[in-house]
Structures are given as structure tokens and as C-alpha cells.
Amino acid sequence: MLKLNAAAIAALLAMSGNAFAVSEAVKIACKPDYIAYCNNMVVGSSQLRACMKSNALKLSKPCLQALVDNKEVTKADVDDYVAKTKKAN
């Protein structure tokens, strides 16, 4: 299993899935993040995925973990996130 920081990275991406369906687990875990950063977007839309991706470094650990657990992000997403967090620090 990926470590949580990698998970966060991954989250960036939750936004890269080909289908826009969102699992209940992700909806529950990411609800506070959705309200804080993207509440004007339609759940499951490409616009919401883009918004969440643009706020990936701010997403909560539970949201990131749910995104990883539900395969909403890819390894490439995780790698991209890790690279971005290293640059930010």
C-alpha cells in the first residue's frame, strides 16, 4: 500500500479517472475538502476533478487515502504529486 504522502500525491489526481463516477467512500471522506475548495462544482464532473487536482496539496489525509483506496488516482498521479511536494518544500 502506498504511504499517505504518496496517497496525497495521488489525490491530485483523483481527478484522472476515465469515468467520472465517485464512490460513496470518496464522497464521505472528501466532503470537507469539496466544501472548502470546490463547492460550486458538480460532483463527478471533470470540472470538480480539475478543481480538486489544483488543490491537491491542501486535501485532507482521509480524502487522499480514500482516493487511493478507491483507485481514483494512478501511479503517475502519485509520482507527479510527490515531485510537486518536493519542489514546494
Protein backbone atom coordinates (compact mmCIF):
# COMPACT_ATOMS: atom_id res chain seq x y z
CA MET A 1 0.00 0.00 0.00
CA LEU A 2 1.20 3.49 -0.73
CA LYS A 3 2.26 5.70 2.12
CA LEU A 4 -0.05 8.54 2.98
CA ASN A 5 2.12 11.25 1.42
CA ALA A 6 2.13 9.28 -1.77
CA ALA A 7 -1.57 8.99 -1.28
CA ALA A 8 -1.84 12.69 -1.10
CA ILE A 9 0.06 12.93 -4.21
CA ALA A 10 -2.23 10.56 -5.73
CA ALA A 11 -5.09 12.59 -4.78
CA LEU A 12 -4.11 15.13 -7.15
CA LEU A 13 -5.40 13.18 -9.40
CA ALA A 14 -8.37 11.70 -8.25
CA MET A 15 -9.01 13.57 -10.96
CA SER A 16 -7.66 11.49 -13.62
CA GLY A 17 -10.03 8.58 -13.68
CA ASN A 18 -11.66 7.92 -17.02
CA ALA A 19 -15.10 7.50 -15.55
CA PHE A 20 -16.49 10.36 -13.52
CA ALA A 21 -18.44 8.22 -11.06
CA VAL A 22 -17.44 8.85 -7.46
CA SER A 23 -17.72 6.18 -4.76
CA GLU A 24 -19.60 6.81 -1.53
CA ALA A 25 -16.34 6.34 0.41
CA VAL A 26 -14.70 9.15 -1.56
CA LYS A 27 -17.78 11.38 -1.23
CA ILE A 28 -17.76 10.92 2.54
CA ALA A 29 -14.00 11.29 3.05
CA CYS A 30 -13.64 14.24 0.68
CA LYS A 31 -16.79 16.17 1.62
CA PRO A 32 -14.95 18.72 3.83
CA ASP A 33 -12.38 19.28 1.07
CA TYR A 34 -15.14 19.66 -1.52
CA ILE A 35 -16.91 22.25 0.66
CA ALA A 36 -13.68 24.13 1.34
CA TYR A 37 -12.27 24.26 -2.18
CA CYS A 38 -14.74 23.25 -4.89
CA ASN A 39 -18.33 23.55 -3.62
CA ASN A 40 -19.54 25.26 -6.77
CA MET A 41 -18.67 22.23 -8.93
CA VAL A 42 -20.95 19.32 -9.84
CA VAL A 43 -19.94 16.09 -8.07
CA GLY A 44 -18.38 13.68 -10.55
CA SER A 45 -17.72 16.36 -13.17
CA SER A 46 -14.45 16.95 -14.98
CA GLN A 47 -14.50 20.49 -13.55
CA LEU A 48 -14.61 19.11 -10.00
CA ARG A 49 -11.73 16.76 -10.76
CA ALA A 50 -9.71 19.70 -12.11
CA CYS A 51 -10.55 21.79 -9.03
CA MET A 52 -9.57 19.02 -6.63
CA LYS A 53 -6.38 18.42 -8.59
CA SER A 54 -5.48 22.11 -8.41
CA ASN A 55 -5.97 21.93 -4.63
CA ALA A 56 -4.26 18.56 -4.21
CA LEU A 57 -1.61 19.82 -1.80
CA LYS A 58 -4.38 21.05 0.52
CA LEU A 59 -6.51 17.88 0.55
CA SER A 60 -7.01 16.11 3.86
CA LYS A 61 -5.34 12.79 4.61
CA PRO A 62 -8.70 10.95 4.80
CA CYS A 63 -9.67 12.27 1.37
CA LEU A 64 -6.33 11.36 -0.14
CA GLN A 65 -6.45 7.89 1.36
CA ALA A 66 -9.98 7.32 0.04
CA LEU A 67 -8.88 8.43 -3.42
CA VAL A 68 -6.03 5.93 -3.37
CA ASP A 69 -8.10 3.12 -1.85
CA ASN A 70 -10.80 3.59 -4.47
CA LYS A 71 -8.31 3.76 -7.33
CA GLU A 72 -9.32 7.29 -8.23
CA VAL A 73 -5.67 8.13 -8.86
CA THR A 74 -2.92 6.47 -10.85
CA LYS A 75 0.74 5.78 -10.07
CA ALA A 76 1.59 8.61 -12.47
CA ASP A 77 -0.63 10.92 -10.41
CA VAL A 78 1.18 9.88 -7.26
CA ASP A 79 4.59 10.40 -8.85
CA ASP A 80 3.52 13.85 -10.06
CA TYR A 81 2.25 14.76 -6.59
CA VAL A 82 5.48 13.63 -4.94
CA ALA A 83 7.51 15.73 -7.35
CA LYS A 84 5.34 18.79 -6.66
CA THR A 85 5.55 18.39 -2.89
CA LYS A 86 9.33 18.09 -3.06
CA LYS A 87 9.51 21.33 -5.06
CA ALA A 88 7.19 23.07 -2.60
CA ASN A 89 9.40 22.15 0.36
